[in-house]
Amino acid sequence: MFMEKVKEKLKNNAGARARKLLFGAPLNEQGIEVLERRFECNIPCFQGRKGEFDPLDAMRRDAYREVVLWLRNQLSVYRKESEDNE
Protein backbone atom coordinates (compact mmCIF):
# COMPACT_ATOMS: atom_id res chain seq x y z
CA MET A 1 0.00 0.00 0.00
CA PHE A 2 2.82 2.42 0.85
CA MET A 3 4.55 1.86 -2.49
CA GLU A 4 1.23 2.25 -4.29
CA LYS A 5 0.91 5.74 -2.79
CA VAL A 6 4.44 6.58 -3.89
CA LYS A 7 3.85 5.28 -7.42
CA GLU A 8 0.62 7.26 -7.69
CA LYS A 9 2.32 10.48 -6.58
CA LEU A 10 5.18 9.90 -9.00
CA LYS A 11 2.67 9.28 -11.78
CA ASN A 12 1.00 12.61 -10.96
CA ASN A 13 4.39 14.34 -11.21
CA ALA A 14 4.50 15.04 -7.49
CA GLY A 15 8.17 14.20 -7.00
CA ALA A 16 8.68 16.28 -3.87
CA ARG A 17 5.77 14.62 -2.09
CA ALA A 18 6.91 11.16 -3.20
CA ARG A 19 10.41 11.88 -1.90
CA LYS A 20 8.90 13.03 1.36
CA LEU A 21 7.06 9.73 1.68
CA LEU A 22 10.19 7.76 0.88
CA PHE A 23 12.88 9.75 2.65
CA GLY A 24 10.95 11.38 5.46
CA ALA A 25 10.71 7.89 6.91
CA PRO A 26 13.41 5.85 8.67
CA LEU A 27 15.95 5.97 5.85
CA ASN A 28 18.50 8.56 6.84
CA GLU A 29 22.27 8.97 6.65
CA GLN A 30 22.82 6.21 9.22
CA GLY A 31 20.61 3.83 7.24
CA ILE A 32 22.55 4.57 4.06
CA GLU A 33 25.83 3.93 5.91
CA VAL A 34 24.53 0.53 7.01
CA LEU A 35 23.70 -0.32 3.38
CA GLU A 36 27.12 0.94 2.30
CA ARG A 37 28.90 -1.34 4.78
CA ARG A 38 26.63 -4.32 4.04
CA PHE A 39 27.27 -4.13 0.30
CA GLU A 40 30.96 -3.15 0.65
CA CYS A 41 30.61 0.05 -1.35
CA ASN A 42 33.76 1.62 0.09
CA ILE A 43 36.24 -0.84 -1.39
CA PRO A 44 37.42 -0.69 -5.00
CA CYS A 45 35.09 -2.40 -7.46
CA PHE A 46 37.87 -4.53 -8.87
CA GLN A 47 39.27 -5.70 -5.55
CA GLY A 48 39.20 -9.45 -5.08
CA ARG A 49 41.19 -12.16 -3.41
CA LYS A 50 44.90 -11.96 -3.92
CA GLY A 51 45.63 -12.67 -7.57
CA GLU A 52 41.98 -13.26 -8.49
CA PHE A 53 39.39 -11.15 -10.22
CA ASP A 54 35.68 -11.84 -10.52
CA PRO A 55 34.03 -9.55 -13.09
CA LEU A 56 30.53 -10.37 -11.80
CA ASP A 57 31.51 -9.39 -8.28
CA ALA A 58 32.97 -6.14 -9.61
CA MET A 59 29.75 -5.46 -11.52
CA ARG A 60 27.62 -6.10 -8.43
CA ARG A 61 29.76 -3.90 -6.21
CA ASP A 62 29.64 -1.08 -8.76
CA ALA A 63 25.85 -1.40 -9.00
CA TYR A 64 25.50 -1.32 -5.20
CA ARG A 65 27.65 1.80 -5.12
CA GLU A 66 25.44 3.49 -7.72
CA VAL A 67 22.33 2.75 -5.64
CA VAL A 68 23.94 4.18 -2.50
CA LEU A 69 24.97 7.31 -4.43
CA TRP A 70 21.43 7.69 -5.76
CA LEU A 71 19.99 7.33 -2.23
CA ARG A 72 22.40 9.97 -0.91
CA ASN A 73 21.41 12.31 -3.75
CA GLN A 74 17.70 11.82 -3.16
CA LEU A 75 18.15 12.37 0.58
CA SER A 76 19.99 15.64 -0.06
CA VAL A 77 17.27 16.79 -2.48
CA TYR A 78 14.64 15.95 0.16
CA ARG A 79 16.55 17.91 2.81
CA LYS A 80 16.95 20.91 0.51
CA GLU A 81 13.25 20.90 -0.35
CA SER A 82 12.39 20.64 3.36
CA GLU A 83 14.61 23.63 4.17
CA ASP A 84 13.09 25.66 1.32
CA ASN A 85 9.57 24.96 2.59
CA GLU A 86 10.35 26.19 6.11
PDB file of N, CA and C in Angstrom:
ATOM      1  N   MET A   1       0.817  -1.192   0.000  1.00  0.00           N
ATOM      2  CA  MET A   1       0.000   0.000   0.000  1.00  0.00           C
ATOM      3  C   MET A   1       0.868   1.267   0.000  1.00  0.00           C
ATOM      4  N   PHE A   2       1.925   1.262   0.789  1.00  0.00           N
ATOM      5  CA  PHE A   2       2.818   2.418   0.849  1.00  0.00           C
ATOM      6  C   PHE A   2       3.415   2.708  -0.524  1.00  0.00           C
ATOM      7  N   MET A   3       3.943   1.665  -1.179  1.00  0.00           N
ATOM      8  CA  MET A   3       4.555   1.863  -2.492  1.00  0.00           C
ATOM      9  C   MET A   3       3.521   2.261  -3.529  1.00  0.00           C
ATOM     10  N   GLU A   4       2.289   1.820  -3.373  1.00  0.00           N
ATOM     11  CA  GLU A   4       1.234   2.246  -4.290  1.00  0.00           C
ATOM     12  C   GLU A   4       1.011   3.749  -4.195  1.00  0.00           C
ATOM     13  N   LYS A   5       1.038   4.292  -2.977  1.00  0.00           N
ATOM     14  CA  LYS A   5       0.906   5.739  -2.794  1.00  0.00           C
ATOM     15  C   LYS A   5       2.055   6.466  -3.475  1.00  0.00           C
ATOM     16  N   VAL A   6       3.266   5.943  -3.291  1.00  0.00           N
ATOM     17  CA  VAL A   6       4.436   6.579  -3.891  1.00  0.00           C
ATOM     18  C   VAL A   6       4.332   6.546  -5.404  1.00  0.00           C
ATOM     19  N   LYS A   7       3.979   5.396  -5.961  1.00  0.00           N
ATOM     20  CA  LYS A   7       3.853   5.280  -7.418  1.00  0.00           C
ATOM     21  C   LYS A   7       2.796   6.237  -7.958  1.00  0.00           C
ATOM     22  N   GLU A   8       1.685   6.359  -7.252  1.00  0.00           N
ATOM     23  CA  GLU A   8       0.618   7.259  -7.687  1.00  0.00           C
ATOM     24  C   GLU A   8       1.095   8.708  -7.679  1.00  0.00           C
ATOM     25  N   LYS A   9       1.812   9.109  -6.640  1.00  0.00           N
ATOM     26  CA  LYS A   9       2.319  10.476  -6.577  1.00  0.00           C
ATOM     27  C   LYS A   9       3.350  10.736  -7.664  1.00  0.00           C
ATOM     28  N   LEU A  10       4.200   9.733  -7.923  1.00  0.00           N
ATOM     29  CA  LEU A  10       5.177   9.896  -8.998  1.00  0.00           C
ATOM     30  C   LEU A  10       4.482  10.006 -10.349  1.00  0.00           C
ATOM     31  N   LYS A  11       3.419   9.233 -10.532  1.00  0.00           N
ATOM     32  CA  LYS A  11       2.671   9.276 -11.780  1.00  0.00           C
ATOM     33  C   LYS A  11       2.039  10.654 -11.981  1.00  0.00           C
ATOM     34  N   ASN A  12       1.618  11.286 -10.897  1.00  0.00           N
ATOM     35  CA  ASN A  12       1.001  12.610 -10.964  1.00  0.00           C
ATOM     36  C   ASN A  12       2.037  13.725 -10.941  1.00  0.00           C
ATOM     37  N   ASN A  13       3.307  13.361 -11.167  1.00  0.00           N
ATOM     38  CA  ASN A  13       4.391  14.336 -11.210  1.00  0.00           C
ATOM     39  C   ASN A  13       4.518  15.122  -9.910  1.00  0.00           C
ATOM     40  N   ALA A  14       4.373  14.411  -8.812  1.00  0.00           N
ATOM     41  CA  ALA A  14       4.498  15.037  -7.494  1.00  0.00           C
ATOM     42  C   ALA A  14       5.768  14.500  -6.829  1.00  0.00           C
ATOM     43  N   GLY A  15       6.904  14.750  -7.460  1.00  0.00           N
ATOM     44  CA  GLY A  15       8.174  14.200  -6.999  1.00  0.00           C
ATOM     45  C   GLY A  15       8.545  14.588  -5.589  1.00  0.00           C
ATOM     46  N   ALA A  16       8.314  15.834  -5.217  1.00  0.00           N
ATOM     47  CA  ALA A  16       8.683  16.285  -3.873  1.00  0.00           C
ATOM     48  C   ALA A  16       7.885  15.533  -2.819  1.00  0.00           C
ATOM     49  N   ARG A  17       6.594  15.346  -3.069  1.00  0.00           N
ATOM     50  CA  ARG A  17       5.769  14.619  -2.093  1.00  0.00           C
ATOM     51  C   ARG A  17       6.147  13.151  -2.042  1.00  0.00           C
ATOM     52  N   ALA A  18       6.497  12.567  -3.184  1.00  0.00           N
ATOM     53  CA  ALA A  18       6.908  11.162  -3.200  1.00  0.00           C
ATOM     54  C   ALA A  18       8.215  10.990  -2.444  1.00  0.00           C
ATOM     55  N   ARG A  19       9.155  11.935  -2.644  1.00  0.00           N
ATOM     56  CA  ARG A  19      10.411  11.879  -1.898  1.00  0.00           C
ATOM     57  C   ARG A  19      10.163  12.003  -0.408  1.00  0.00           C
ATOM     58  N   LYS A  20       9.204  12.856  -0.060  1.00  0.00           N
ATOM     59  CA  LYS A  20       8.901  13.031   1.363  1.00  0.00           C
ATOM     60  C   LYS A  20       8.382  11.729   1.956  1.00  0.00           C
ATOM     61  N   LEU A  21       7.548  11.027   1.212  1.00  0.00           N
ATOM     62  CA  LEU A  21       7.060   9.731   1.683  1.00  0.00           C
ATOM     63  C   LEU A  21       8.202   8.734   1.837  1.00  0.00           C
ATOM     64  N   LEU A  22       9.100   8.726   0.850  1.00  0.00           N
ATOM     65  CA  LEU A  22      10.192   7.756   0.878  1.00  0.00           C
ATOM     66  C   LEU A  22      11.279   8.118   1.878  1.00  0.00           C
ATOM     67  N   PHE A  23      11.699   9.381   1.893  1.00  0.00           N
ATOM     68  CA  PHE A  23      12.880   9.754   2.649  1.00  0.00           C
ATOM     69  C   PHE A  23      12.569  10.514   3.931  1.00  0.00           C
ATOM     70  N   GLY A  24      11.317  10.793   4.190  1.00  0.00           N
ATOM     71  CA  GLY A  24      10.947  11.380   5.461  1.00  0.00           C
ATOM     72  C   GLY A  24      10.746  10.289   6.500  1.00  0.00           C
ATOM     73  N   ALA A  25      10.876   9.067   6.064  1.00  0.00           N
ATOM     74  CA  ALA A  25      10.711   7.892   6.914  1.00  0.00           C
ATOM     75  C   ALA A  25      12.068   7.468   7.474  1.00  0.00           C
ATOM     76  N   PRO A  26      12.194   6.264   7.965  1.00  0.00           N
ATOM     77  CA  PRO A  26      13.409   5.851   8.675  1.00  0.00           C
ATOM     78  C   PRO A  26      14.716   5.899   7.897  1.00  0.00           C
ATOM     79  N   LEU A  27      14.688   5.942   6.590  1.00  0.00           N
ATOM     80  CA  LEU A  27      15.949   5.967   5.852  1.00  0.00           C
ATOM     81  C   LEU A  27      16.605   7.330   6.004  1.00  0.00           C
ATOM     82  N   ASN A  28      17.748   7.329   6.639  1.00  0.00           N
ATOM     83  CA  ASN A  28      18.498   8.560   6.844  1.00  0.00           C
ATOM     84  C   ASN A  28      19.969   8.251   6.573  1.00  0.00           C
ATOM     85  N   GLU A  29      20.839   9.160   6.923  1.00  0.00           N
ATOM     86  CA  GLU A  29      22.269   8.967   6.649  1.00  0.00           C
ATOM     87  C   GLU A  29      22.804   7.694   7.318  1.00  0.00           C
ATOM     88  N   GLN A  30      22.356   7.424   8.531  1.00  0.00           N
ATOM     89  CA  GLN A  30      22.816   6.214   9.219  1.00  0.00           C
ATOM     90  C   GLN A  30      22.345   4.953   8.490  1.00  0.00           C
ATOM     91  N   GLY A  31      21.123   4.980   7.995  1.00  0.00           N
ATOM     92  CA  GLY A  31      20.615   3.830   7.242  1.00  0.00           C
ATOM     93  C   GLY A  31      21.395   3.601   5.961  1.00  0.00           C
ATOM     94  N   ILE A  32      21.757   4.684   5.287  1.00  0.00           N
ATOM     95  CA  ILE A  32      22.546   4.574   4.063  1.00  0.00           C
ATOM     96  C   ILE A  32      23.934   4.021   4.387  1.00  0.00           C
ATOM     97  N   GLU A  33      24.514   4.451   5.515  1.00  0.00           N
ATOM     98  CA  GLU A  33      25.831   3.931   5.907  1.00  0.00           C
ATOM     99  C   GLU A  33      25.780   2.439   6.190  1.00  0.00           C
ATOM    100  N   VAL A  34      24.691   1.967   6.769  1.00  0.00           N
ATOM    101  CA  VAL A  34      24.529   0.527   7.008  1.00  0.00           C
ATOM    102  C   VAL A  34      24.503  -0.215   5.674  1.00  0.00           C
ATOM    103  N   LEU A  35      23.744   0.302   4.714  1.00  0.00           N
ATOM    104  CA  LEU A  35      23.702  -0.320   3.383  1.00  0.00           C
ATOM    105  C   LEU A  35      25.079  -0.306   2.729  1.00  0.00           C
ATOM    106  N   GLU A  36      25.782   0.797   2.891  1.00  0.00           N
ATOM    107  CA  GLU A  36      27.117   0.944   2.304  1.00  0.00           C
ATOM    108  C   GLU A  36      28.080  -0.107   2.859  1.00  0.00           C
ATOM    109  N   ARG A  37      28.034  -0.322   4.175  1.00  0.00           N
ATOM    110  CA  ARG A  37      28.902  -1.345   4.784  1.00  0.00           C
ATOM    111  C   ARG A  37      28.468  -2.749   4.377  1.00  0.00           C
ATOM    112  N   ARG A  38      27.156  -2.988   4.368  1.00  0.00           N
ATOM    113  CA  ARG A  38      26.633  -4.319   4.043  1.00  0.00           C
ATOM    114  C   ARG A  38      27.024  -4.741   2.627  1.00  0.00           C
ATOM    115  N   PHE A  39      26.978  -3.813   1.699  1.00  0.00           N
ATOM    116  CA  PHE A  39      27.272  -4.130   0.301  1.00  0.00           C
ATOM    117  C   PHE A  39      28.687  -3.738  -0.111  1.00  0.00           C
ATOM    118  N   GLU A  40      29.536  -3.422   0.870  1.00  0.00           N
ATOM    119  CA  GLU A  40      30.961  -3.148   0.648  1.00  0.00           C
ATOM    120  C   GLU A  40      31.191  -2.108  -0.443  1.00  0.00           C
ATOM    121  N   CYS A  41      30.512  -0.994  -0.333  1.00  0.00           N
ATOM    122  CA  CYS A  41      30.610   0.053  -1.348  1.00  0.00           C
ATOM    123  C   CYS A  41      31.887   0.880  -1.236  1.00  0.00           C
ATOM    124  N   ASN A  42      32.585   0.776  -0.119  1.00  0.00           N
ATOM    125  CA  ASN A  42      33.763   1.616   0.087  1.00  0.00           C
ATOM    126  C   ASN A  42      35.070   0.977  -0.354  1.00  0.00           C
ATOM    127  N   ILE A  43      35.009  -0.227  -0.883  1.00  0.00           N
ATOM    128  CA  ILE A  43      36.243  -0.839  -1.389  1.00  0.00           C
ATOM    129  C   ILE A  43      36.225  -0.770  -2.913  1.00  0.00           C
ATOM    130  N   PRO A  44      37.387  -0.782  -3.537  1.00  0.00           N
ATOM    131  CA  PRO A  44      37.424  -0.686  -5.003  1.00  0.00           C
ATOM    132  C   PRO A  44      36.606  -1.794  -5.674  1.00  0.00           C
ATOM    133  N   CYS A  45      35.943  -1.439  -6.752  1.00  0.00           N
ATOM    134  CA  CYS A  45      35.090  -2.401  -7.458  1.00  0.00           C
ATOM    135  C   CYS A  45      35.863  -3.622  -7.929  1.00  0.00           C
ATOM    136  N   PHE A  46      37.120  -3.436  -8.291  1.00  0.00           N
ATOM    137  CA  PHE A  46      37.874  -4.533  -8.875  1.00  0.00           C
ATOM    138  C   PHE A  46      38.715  -5.282  -7.854  1.00  0.00           C
ATOM    139  N   GLN A  47      38.516  -4.990  -6.578  1.00  0.00           N
ATOM    140  CA  GLN A  47      39.266  -5.702  -5.550  1.00  0.00           C
ATOM    141  C   GLN A  47      38.714  -7.117  -5.410  1.00  0.00           C
ATOM    142  N   GLY A  48      39.589  -8.056  -5.293  1.00  0.00           N
ATOM    143  CA  GLY A  48      39.204  -9.446  -5.084  1.00  0.00           C
ATOM    144  C   GLY A  48      40.241 -10.115  -4.221  1.00  0.00           C
ATOM    145  N   ARG A  49      40.157 -11.444  -4.137  1.00  0.00           N
ATOM    146  CA  ARG A  49      41.194 -12.162  -3.408  1.00  0.00           C
ATOM    147  C   ARG A  49      42.514 -11.985  -4.113  1.00  0.00           C
ATOM    148  N   LYS A  50      43.560 -12.167  -3.386  1.00  0.00           N
ATOM    149  CA  LYS A  50      44.905 -11.964  -3.923  1.00  0.00           C
ATOM    150  C   LYS A  50      45.090 -12.746  -5.226  1.00  0.00           C
ATOM    151  N   GLY A  51      45.374 -12.032  -6.287  1.00  0.00           N
ATOM    152  CA  GLY A  51      45.630 -12.672  -7.573  1.00  0.00           C
ATOM    153  C   GLY A  51      44.401 -13.106  -8.334  1.00  0.00           C
ATOM    154  N   GLU A  52      43.205 -12.841  -7.811  1.00  0.00           N
ATOM    155  CA  GLU A  52      41.984 -13.260  -8.487  1.00  0.00           C
ATOM    156  C   GLU A  52      41.126 -12.042  -8.825  1.00  0.00           C
ATOM    157  N   PHE A  53      40.305 -12.210  -9.838  1.00  0.00           N
ATOM    158  CA  PHE A  53      39.390 -11.148 -10.219  1.00  0.00           C
ATOM    159  C   PHE A  53      38.088 -11.783 -10.681  1.00  0.00           C
ATOM    160  N   ASP A  54      36.996 -11.334 -10.131  1.00  0.00           N
ATOM    161  CA  ASP A  54      35.684 -11.836 -10.522  1.00  0.00           C
ATOM    162  C   ASP A  54      34.900 -10.674 -11.141  1.00  0.00           C
ATOM    163  N   PRO A  55      34.717 -10.676 -12.451  1.00  0.00           N
ATOM    164  CA  PRO A  55      34.031  -9.553 -13.095  1.00  0.00           C
ATOM    165  C   PRO A  55      32.578  -9.383 -12.626  1.00  0.00           C
ATOM    166  N   LEU A  56      31.913 -10.490 -12.283  1.00  0.00           N
ATOM    167  CA  LEU A  56      30.535 -10.369 -11.805  1.00  0.00           C
ATOM    168  C   LEU A  56      30.488  -9.709 -10.436  1.00  0.00           C
ATOM    169  N   ASP A  57      31.445 -10.026  -9.585  1.00  0.00           N
ATOM    170  CA  ASP A  57      31.511  -9.388  -8.279  1.00  0.00           C
ATOM    171  C   ASP A  57      31.797  -7.890  -8.432  1.00  0.00           C
ATOM    172  N   ALA A  58      32.674  -7.546  -9.355  1.00  0.00           N
ATOM    173  CA  ALA A  58      32.973  -6.138  -9.613  1.00  0.00           C
ATOM    174  C   ALA A  58      31.731  -5.410 -10.127  1.00  0.00           C
ATOM    175  N   MET A  59      30.976  -6.059 -10.981  1.00  0.00           N
ATOM    176  CA  MET A  59      29.751  -5.462 -11.520  1.00  0.00           C
ATOM    177  C   MET A  59      28.734  -5.233 -10.402  1.00  0.00           C
ATOM    178  N   ARG A  60      28.565  -6.241  -9.538  1.00  0.00           N
ATOM    179  CA  ARG A  60      27.618  -6.104  -8.428  1.00  0.00           C
ATOM    180  C   ARG A  60      28.024  -4.969  -7.500  1.00  0.00           C
ATOM    181  N   ARG A  61      29.293  -4.931  -7.140  1.00  0.00           N
ATOM    182  CA  ARG A  61      29.761  -3.905  -6.213  1.00  0.00           C
ATOM    183  C   ARG A  61      29.577  -2.510  -6.807  1.00  0.00           C
ATOM    184  N   ASP A  62      29.838  -2.369  -8.092  1.00  0.00           N
ATOM    185  CA  ASP A  62      29.645  -1.077  -8.758  1.00  0.00           C
ATOM    186  C   ASP A  62      28.163  -0.696  -8.777  1.00  0.00           C
ATOM    187  N   ALA A  63      27.288  -1.667  -9.009  1.00  0.00           N
ATOM    188  CA  ALA A  63      25.848  -1.399  -9.004  1.00  0.00           C
ATOM    189  C   ALA A  63      25.373  -0.992  -7.608  1.00  0.00           C
ATOM    190  N   TYR A  64      25.854  -1.678  -6.573  1.00  0.00           N
ATOM    191  CA  TYR A  64      25.496  -1.316  -5.200  1.00  0.00           C
ATOM    192  C   TYR A  64      25.926   0.114  -4.900  1.00  0.00           C
ATOM    193  N   ARG A  65      27.122   0.454  -5.349  1.00  0.00           N
ATOM    194  CA  ARG A  65      27.654   1.799  -5.118  1.00  0.00           C
ATOM    195  C   ARG A  65      26.764   2.846  -5.792  1.00  0.00           C
ATOM    196  N   GLU A  66      26.317   2.564  -7.005  1.00  0.00           N
ATOM    197  CA  GLU A  66      25.441   3.494  -7.716  1.00  0.00           C
ATOM    198  C   GLU A  66      24.126   3.705  -6.963  1.00  0.00           C
ATOM    199  N   VAL A  67      23.573   2.629  -6.398  1.00  0.00           N
ATOM    200  CA  VAL A  67      22.327   2.745  -5.641  1.00  0.00           C
ATOM    201  C   VAL A  67      22.537   3.607  -4.403  1.00  0.00           C
ATOM    202  N   VAL A  68      23.644   3.388  -3.700  1.00  0.00           N
ATOM    203  CA  VAL A  68      23.937   4.183  -2.502  1.00  0.00           C
ATOM    204  C   VAL A  68      24.115   5.651  -2.880  1.00  0.00           C
ATOM    205  N   LEU A  69      24.803   5.926  -3.981  1.00  0.00           N
ATOM    206  CA  LEU A  69      24.971   7.315  -4.427  1.00  0.00           C
ATOM    207  C   LEU A  69      23.625   7.944  -4.773  1.00  0.00           C
ATOM    208  N   TRP A  70      22.755   7.175  -5.419  1.00  0.00           N
ATOM    209  CA  TRP A  70      21.429   7.688  -5.759  1.00  0.00           C
ATOM    210  C   TRP A  70      20.639   7.997  -4.486  1.00  0.00           C
ATOM    211  N   LEU A  71      20.694   7.097  -3.492  1.00  0.00           N
ATOM    212  CA  LEU A  71      19.993   7.329  -2.235  1.00  0.00           C
ATOM    213  C   LEU A  71      20.504   8.592  -1.545  1.00  0.00           C
ATOM    214  N   ARG A  72      21.833   8.761  -1.520  1.00  0.00           N
ATOM    215  CA  ARG A  72      22.401   9.968  -0.913  1.00  0.00           C
ATOM    216  C   ARG A  72      21.915  11.228  -1.647  1.00  0.00           C
ATOM    217  N   ASN A  73      21.873  11.173  -2.967  1.00  0.00           N
ATOM    218  CA  ASN A  73      21.406  12.315  -3.750  1.00  0.00           C
ATOM    219  C   ASN A  73      19.945  12.626  -3.446  1.00  0.00           C
ATOM    220  N   GLN A  74      19.109  11.602  -3.430  1.00  0.00           N
ATOM    221  CA  GLN A  74      17.697  11.819  -3.158  1.00  0.00           C
ATOM    222  C   GLN A  74      17.473  12.351  -1.748  1.00  0.00           C
ATOM    223  N   LEU A  75      18.255  11.877  -0.791  1.00  0.00           N
ATOM    224  CA  LEU A  75      18.146  12.367   0.578  1.00  0.00           C
ATOM    225  C   LEU A  75      18.542  13.846   0.656  1.00  0.00           C
ATOM    226  N   SER A  76      19.586  14.225  -0.075  1.00  0.00           N
ATOM    227  CA  SER A  76      19.993  15.639  -0.060  1.00  0.00           C
ATOM    228  C   SER A  76      18.948  16.517  -0.743  1.00  0.00           C
ATOM    229  N   VAL A  77      18.332  16.035  -1.812  1.00  0.00           N
ATOM    230  CA  VAL A  77      17.265  16.791  -2.478  1.00  0.00           C
ATOM    231  C   VAL A  77      16.086  16.955  -1.522  1.00  0.00           C
ATOM    232  N   TYR A  78      15.746  15.891  -0.804  1.00  0.00           N
ATOM    233  CA  TYR A  78      14.641  15.954   0.157  1.00  0.00           C
ATOM    234  C   TYR A  78      14.945  16.985   1.248  1.00  0.00           C
ATOM    235  N   ARG A  79      16.174  16.960   1.758  1.00  0.00           N
ATOM    236  CA  ARG A  79      16.549  17.914   2.813  1.00  0.00           C
ATOM    237  C   ARG A  79      16.491  19.349   2.310  1.00  0.00           C
ATOM    238  N   LYS A  80      16.969  19.563   1.088  1.00  0.00           N
ATOM    239  CA  LYS A  80      16.951  20.906   0.509  1.00  0.00           C
ATOM    240  C   LYS A  80      15.514  21.399   0.331  1.00  0.00           C
ATOM    241  N   GLU A  81      14.638  20.524  -0.169  1.00  0.00           N
ATOM    242  CA  GLU A  81      13.246  20.899  -0.347  1.00  0.00           C
ATOM    243  C   GLU A  81      12.586  21.179   1.003  1.00  0.00           C
ATOM    244  N   SER A  82      12.946  20.410   2.026  1.00  0.00           N
ATOM    245  CA  SER A  82      12.387  20.638   3.357  1.00  0.00           C
ATOM    246  C   SER A  82      12.820  21.986   3.906  1.00  0.00           C
ATOM    247  N   GLU A  83      14.098  22.330   3.698  1.00  0.00           N
ATOM    248  CA  GLU A  83      14.609  23.625   4.167  1.00  0.00           C
ATOM    249  C   GLU A  83      13.928  24.768   3.422  1.00  0.00           C
ATOM    250  N   ASP A  84      13.719  24.598   2.118  1.00  0.00           N
ATOM    251  CA  ASP A  84      13.092  25.660   1.319  1.00  0.00           C
ATOM    252  C   ASP A  84      11.635  25.891   1.733  1.00  0.00           C
ATOM    253  N   ASN A  85      10.973  24.841   2.198  1.00  0.00           N
ATOM    254  CA  ASN A  85       9.570  24.960   2.588  1.00  0.00           C
ATOM    255  C   ASN A  85       9.386  25.544   3.978  1.00  0.00           C
ATOM    256  N   GLU A  86      10.465  25.651   4.745  1.00  0.00           N
ATOM    257  CA  GLU A  86      10.346  26.189   6.106  1.00  0.00           C
ATOM    258  C   GLU A  86      10.413  27.682   6.135  1.00  0.00           C
TER     259      GLU A  86
END
